């Protein structure tokens, strides 16, 4: 029972991080709604690829899916940290958005 609770909390946080990165990414680029739908599908595939790759790798060899999932998890982790750092700098240093982005990139 505790494992199921832990798994549900982990998955909730995992998908919440994906949603945060997706929302920051789409707001920052100001892309069209049709492209947003394609991007949403890409984020869903990326989010599920790591979980499904880990589960299936115990039964069959799905190494390309597992590598894509690990690569996606790395991209999401770095993106999440950059966006959180940008938001924190924006709160405490009261810079404009463009300047805070330049500070994060340095």
C-alpha atoms as a PDB file:
ATOM      1  CA  UNK A   1       0.000   0.000   0.000  1.00  0.00           C
ATOM      2  CA  UNK A   2       2.829   2.397   0.838  1.00  0.00           C
ATOM      3  CA  UNK A   3       4.542   1.588  -2.463  1.00  0.00           C
ATOM      4  CA  UNK A   4       1.397   2.453  -4.436  1.00  0.00           C
ATOM      5  CA  UNK A   5       1.093   5.754  -2.560  1.00  0.00           C
ATOM      6  CA  UNK A   6       4.756   6.532  -3.232  1.00  0.00           C
ATOM      7  CA  UNK A   7       4.331   5.658  -6.907  1.00  0.00           C
ATOM      8  CA  UNK A   8       1.273   7.889  -7.256  1.00  0.00           C
ATOM      9  CA  UNK A   9       3.035  10.822  -5.582  1.00  0.00           C
ATOM     10  CA  UNK A  10       6.107  10.304  -7.778  1.00  0.00           C
ATOM     11  CA  UNK A  11       4.030  10.174 -10.966  1.00  0.00           C
ATOM     12  CA  UNK A  12       2.077  13.262  -9.921  1.00  0.00           C
ATOM     13  CA  UNK A  13       5.287  15.250  -9.363  1.00  0.00           C
ATOM     14  CA  UNK A  14       6.816  13.839 -12.551  1.00  0.00           C
ATOM     15  CA  UNK A  15       3.883  14.950 -14.706  1.00  0.00           C
ATOM     16  CA  UNK A  16       3.632  18.261 -12.851  1.00  0.00           C
ATOM     17  CA  UNK A  17       7.249  19.004 -13.802  1.00  0.00           C
ATOM     18  CA  UNK A  18       6.433  18.172 -17.419  1.00  0.00           C
ATOM     19  CA  UNK A  19       3.424  20.486 -17.339  1.00  0.00           C
ATOM     20  CA  UNK A  20       5.507  23.311 -15.813  1.00  0.00           C
ATOM     21  CA  UNK A  21       8.179  23.018 -18.508  1.00  0.00           C
ATOM     22  CA  UNK A  22       5.530  22.760 -21.240  1.00  0.00           C
ATOM     23  CA  UNK A  23       3.674  25.847 -20.023  1.00  0.00           C
ATOM     24  CA  UNK A  24       6.859  27.920 -19.706  1.00  0.00           C
ATOM     25  CA  UNK A  25       8.050  26.738 -23.108  1.00  0.00           C
ATOM     26  CA  UNK A  26       4.805  27.582 -24.919  1.00  0.00           C
ATOM     27  CA  UNK A  27       4.426  30.963 -23.205  1.00  0.00           C
ATOM     28  CA  UNK A  28       8.007  31.897 -23.965  1.00  0.00           C
ATOM     29  CA  UNK A  29       7.833  31.047 -27.656  1.00  0.00           C
ATOM     30  CA  UNK A  30       4.274  32.292 -28.271  1.00  0.00           C
ATOM     31  CA  UNK A  31       3.562  29.596 -30.836  1.00  0.00           C
ATOM     32  CA  UNK A  32       0.337  28.881 -32.706  1.00  0.00           C
ATOM     33  CA  UNK A  33      -2.308  26.578 -31.189  1.00  0.00           C
ATOM     34  CA  UNK A  34      -1.754  23.881 -33.811  1.00  0.00           C
ATOM     35  CA  UNK A  35       1.944  23.725 -32.984  1.00  0.00           C
ATOM     36  CA  UNK A  36       1.023  23.669 -29.280  1.00  0.00           C
ATOM     37  CA  UNK A  37      -0.973  20.500 -29.905  1.00  0.00           C
ATOM     38  CA  UNK A  38       2.014  18.836 -31.587  1.00  0.00           C
ATOM     39  CA  UNK A  39       4.242  19.963 -28.747  1.00  0.00           C
ATOM     40  CA  UNK A  40       1.763  18.580 -26.222  1.00  0.00           C
ATOM     41  CA  UNK A  41       1.854  15.205 -27.969  1.00  0.00           C
ATOM     42  CA  UNK A  42       5.658  15.283 -27.966  1.00  0.00           C
ATOM     43  CA  UNK A  43       5.714  16.026 -24.233  1.00  0.00           C
ATOM     44  CA  UNK A  44       3.268  13.207 -23.507  1.00  0.00           C
ATOM     45  CA  UNK A  45       5.288  10.730 -25.558  1.00  0.00           C
ATOM     46  CA  UNK A  46       8.469  11.880 -23.849  1.00  0.00           C
ATOM     47  CA  UNK A  47       6.917  11.651 -20.389  1.00  0.00           C
ATOM     48  CA  UNK A  48       5.582   8.152 -20.918  1.00  0.00           C
ATOM     49  CA  UNK A  49       8.643   6.869 -22.788  1.00  0.00           C
ATOM     50  CA  UNK A  50      10.857   6.756 -19.702  1.00  0.00           C
ATOM     51  CA  UNK A  51       8.264   5.020 -17.537  1.00  0.00           C
ATOM     52  CA  UNK A  52       7.215   2.524 -20.199  1.00  0.00           C
ATOM     53  CA  UNK A  53      10.840   1.927 -21.220  1.00  0.00           C
ATOM     54  CA  UNK A  54      11.813   1.118 -17.637  1.00  0.00           C
ATOM     55  CA  UNK A  55       8.911  -1.279 -17.190  1.00  0.00           C
ATOM     56  CA  UNK A  56       9.334  -3.039 -20.541  1.00  0.00           C
ATOM     57  CA  UNK A  57      13.124  -3.342 -20.228  1.00  0.00           C
ATOM     58  CA  UNK A  58      12.627  -5.959 -17.533  1.00  0.00           C
ATOM     59  CA  UNK A  59      10.776  -8.243 -19.931  1.00  0.00           C
ATOM     60  CA  UNK A  60      12.048  -7.456 -23.432  1.00  0.00           C
ATOM     61  CA  UNK A  61      14.928  -5.459 -24.845  1.00  0.00           C
ATOM     62  CA  UNK A  62      13.638  -2.015 -25.806  1.00  0.00           C
ATOM     63  CA  UNK A  63      16.901  -0.151 -25.587  1.00  0.00           C
ATOM     64  CA  UNK A  64      16.103   2.621 -28.119  1.00  0.00           C
ATOM     65  CA  UNK A  65      12.977   3.520 -26.141  1.00  0.00           C
ATOM     66  CA  UNK A  66      14.910   3.365 -22.898  1.00  0.00           C
ATOM     67  CA  UNK A  67      17.647   5.615 -24.259  1.00  0.00           C
ATOM     68  CA  UNK A  68      15.104   8.092 -25.593  1.00  0.00           C
ATOM     69  CA  UNK A  69      13.357   8.110 -22.216  1.00  0.00           C
ATOM     70  CA  UNK A  70      16.620   8.729 -20.353  1.00  0.00           C
ATOM     71  CA  UNK A  71      17.565  11.475 -22.816  1.00  0.00           C
ATOM     72  CA  UNK A  72      14.132  13.063 -22.424  1.00  0.00           C
ATOM     73  CA  UNK A  73      14.388  12.911 -18.639  1.00  0.00           C
ATOM     74  CA  UNK A  74      17.721  14.726 -18.838  1.00  0.00           C
ATOM     75  CA  UNK A  75      16.304  17.447 -21.075  1.00  0.00           C
ATOM     76  CA  UNK A  76      13.289  17.935 -18.802  1.00  0.00           C
ATOM     77  CA  UNK A  77      15.493  18.050 -15.689  1.00  0.00           C
ATOM     78  CA  UNK A  78      17.784  20.708 -17.114  1.00  0.00           C
ATOM     79  CA  UNK A  79      14.857  22.711 -18.504  1.00  0.00           C
ATOM     80  CA  UNK A  80      13.049  22.548 -15.174  1.00  0.00           C
ATOM     81  CA  UNK A  81      16.093  23.784 -13.281  1.00  0.00           C
ATOM     82  CA  UNK A  82      16.671  26.648 -15.730  1.00  0.00           C
ATOM     83  CA  UNK A  83      13.023  27.775 -15.597  1.00  0.00           C
ATOM     84  CA  UNK A  84      12.906  27.565 -11.800  1.00  0.00           C
ATOM     85  CA  UNK A  85      16.142  29.535 -11.533  1.00  0.00           C
ATOM     86  CA  UNK A  86      14.743  32.143 -13.918  1.00  0.00           C
ATOM     87  CA  UNK A  87      11.561  32.441 -11.845  1.00  0.00           C
ATOM     88  CA  UNK A  88      13.503  32.727  -8.586  1.00  0.00           C
ATOM     89  CA  UNK A  89      15.771  35.411 -10.029  1.00  0.00           C
ATOM     90  CA  UNK A  90      12.708  37.217 -11.336  1.00  0.00           C
ATOM     91  CA  UNK A  91      11.136  37.218  -7.882  1.00  0.00           C
ATOM     92  CA  UNK A  92      14.095  38.281  -5.778  1.00  0.00           C
ATOM     93  CA  UNK A  93      16.133  40.463  -8.097  1.00  0.00           C
ATOM     94  CA  UNK A  94      13.212  42.199  -9.814  1.00  0.00           C
ATOM     95  CA  UNK A  95      14.841  42.157 -13.230  1.00  0.00           C
ATOM     96  CA  UNK A  96      12.897  42.294 -16.421  1.00  0.00           C
ATOM     97  CA  UNK A  97      12.254  38.945 -18.060  1.00  0.00           C
ATOM     98  CA  UNK A  98      14.809  39.345 -20.828  1.00  0.00           C
ATOM     99  CA  UNK A  99      17.600  40.347 -18.482  1.00  0.00           C
ATOM    100  CA  UNK A 100      16.843  37.476 -16.104  1.00  0.00           C
ATOM    101  CA  UNK A 101      17.030  35.092 -19.053  1.00  0.00           C
ATOM    102  CA  UNK A 102      20.457  36.449 -19.919  1.00  0.00           C
ATOM    103  CA  UNK A 103      21.591  36.003 -16.316  1.00  0.00           C
ATOM    104  CA  UNK A 104      20.408  32.382 -16.267  1.00  0.00           C
ATOM    105  CA  UNK A 105      22.252  31.628 -19.488  1.00  0.00           C
ATOM    106  CA  UNK A 106      25.584  32.897 -18.107  1.00  0.00           C
END
